[in-house]
Amino acid sequence: MSKTTPEDLAKKRSDEKMLVSEMIALYCRKQHHTLRGSLCPECQQLHDYALARIEHCPFMETKTFCSACKVHCYQPEMREKLGRAQNAAGASRSLHQACDRDNEGKA
């Protein structure tokens, strides 16, 4: 197995930050009715907290998902909030993907 380069690690960290940012933004739009590109104060706090945790994760090189990690660096309240955002975003994303599949080839 090849060694992870600093560039690979930076990309992995960046990709995870983008994914978490998108999930929180989608959750905030659905639950708090914010406009695209903005977050309510509660979701902004969660966003900033999650990105700081990702930035300082010592296991980024080998990790898969935070939920599979043996060390939970999120405070319980923030972990619960992020879980709600992930669940809402995942359900919405699945629905959008199903609609996209149903509409493929229809014009």
Protein backbone atom coordinates (compact mmCIF):
# COMPACT_ATOMS: atom_id res chain seq x y z
CA MET A 1 0.00 0.00 0.00
CA SER A 2 1.39 3.41 -0.93
CA LYS A 3 2.07 6.17 1.57
CA THR A 4 -0.38 9.06 1.62
CA THR A 5 1.27 12.24 0.36
CA PRO A 6 0.69 15.61 2.02
CA GLU A 7 -1.21 16.66 -1.12
CA ASP A 8 -3.49 13.60 -0.88
CA LEU A 9 -4.12 14.31 2.78
CA ALA A 10 -4.92 17.96 2.09
CA LYS A 11 -7.37 16.94 -0.65
CA LYS A 12 -9.04 14.38 1.61
CA ARG A 13 -9.40 17.00 4.34
CA SER A 14 -10.74 19.55 1.86
CA ASP A 15 -13.23 17.07 0.39
CA GLU A 16 -14.52 16.16 3.84
CA LYS A 17 -14.92 19.83 4.76
CA MET A 18 -16.86 20.45 1.56
CA LEU A 19 -19.14 17.47 2.16
CA VAL A 20 -19.88 18.50 5.76
CA SER A 21 -20.47 22.09 4.66
CA GLU A 22 -22.95 20.98 2.01
CA MET A 23 -24.82 18.72 4.43
CA ILE A 24 -25.15 21.46 7.04
CA ALA A 25 -26.24 23.99 4.41
CA LEU A 26 -28.90 21.64 3.06
CA TYR A 27 -30.13 20.87 6.57
CA CYS A 28 -30.29 24.57 7.44
CA ARG A 29 -32.24 25.42 4.28
CA LYS A 30 -34.73 22.62 4.95
CA GLN A 31 -35.12 23.00 8.70
CA HIS A 32 -34.55 26.71 9.28
CA HIS A 33 -35.64 28.03 5.87
CA THR A 34 -32.46 29.99 5.26
CA LEU A 35 -31.48 31.21 1.84
CA ARG A 36 -28.93 29.33 -0.24
CA GLY A 37 -25.45 30.52 0.73
CA SER A 38 -26.37 31.51 4.28
CA LEU A 39 -26.70 29.69 7.58
CA CYS A 40 -28.66 30.47 10.71
CA PRO A 41 -26.50 31.21 13.79
CA GLU A 42 -26.96 27.69 15.22
CA CYS A 43 -25.94 26.00 11.96
CA GLN A 44 -23.06 28.44 11.48
CA GLN A 45 -21.77 27.45 14.91
CA LEU A 46 -22.06 23.74 14.02
CA HIS A 47 -20.35 24.38 10.68
CA ASP A 48 -17.42 26.21 12.26
CA TYR A 49 -17.08 23.56 14.97
CA ALA A 50 -17.14 20.65 12.49
CA LEU A 51 -14.59 22.26 10.16
CA ALA A 52 -12.25 22.92 13.08
CA ARG A 53 -12.52 19.27 14.13
CA ILE A 54 -11.80 18.09 10.59
CA GLU A 55 -8.83 20.44 10.32
CA HIS A 56 -7.25 19.04 13.47
CA CYS A 57 -8.18 15.36 13.05
CA PRO A 58 -5.06 13.29 13.78
CA PHE A 59 -6.55 10.24 12.04
CA MET A 60 -7.36 11.85 8.68
CA GLU A 61 -4.82 9.73 6.83
CA THR A 62 -6.50 6.43 7.72
CA LYS A 63 -10.03 7.34 8.78
CA THR A 64 -13.22 6.48 6.95
CA PHE A 65 -16.07 8.07 8.91
CA CYS A 66 -16.06 9.88 12.24
CA SER A 67 -18.76 7.48 13.46
CA ALA A 68 -16.33 4.57 12.96
CA CYS A 69 -13.54 6.28 14.90
CA LYS A 70 -12.55 4.96 18.32
CA VAL A 71 -11.93 8.51 19.54
CA HIS A 72 -14.93 10.82 19.40
CA CYS A 73 -13.60 14.36 19.42
CA TYR A 74 -17.03 15.99 19.00
CA GLN A 75 -18.85 17.13 22.11
CA PRO A 76 -21.98 14.95 22.52
CA GLU A 77 -24.36 17.84 21.73
CA MET A 78 -22.47 18.77 18.56
CA ARG A 79 -22.22 15.13 17.52
CA GLU A 80 -26.00 14.82 17.85
CA LYS A 81 -26.59 18.00 15.84
CA LEU A 82 -24.24 16.88 13.08
CA GLY A 83 -25.97 13.49 13.01
CA ARG A 84 -29.34 15.19 12.49
CA ALA A 85 -27.89 17.28 9.68
CA GLN A 86 -26.31 14.22 8.05
CA ASN A 87 -29.55 12.24 8.26
CA ALA A 88 -31.63 15.07 6.79
CA ALA A 89 -29.11 15.74 4.04
CA GLY A 90 -28.77 12.03 3.25
CA ALA A 91 -32.52 11.56 2.95
CA SER A 92 -32.84 14.63 0.78
CA ARG A 93 -29.90 13.62 -1.40
CA SER A 94 -31.35 10.12 -1.86
CA LEU A 95 -34.69 11.62 -2.90
CA HIS A 96 -33.00 13.97 -5.37
CA GLN A 97 -30.95 11.11 -6.84
CA ALA A 98 -34.07 8.97 -7.24
CA CYS A 99 -35.87 11.80 -9.00
CA ASP A 100 -32.88 12.37 -11.26
CA ARG A 101 -32.84 8.67 -12.17
CA ASP A 102 -36.58 8.72 -12.88
CA ASN A 103 -36.16 11.74 -15.14
CA GLU A 104 -33.17 10.45 -17.10
CA GLY A 105 -33.90 10.42 -20.80
CA LYS A 106 -37.09 12.46 -20.39
CA ALA A 107 -37.00 15.85 -22.00
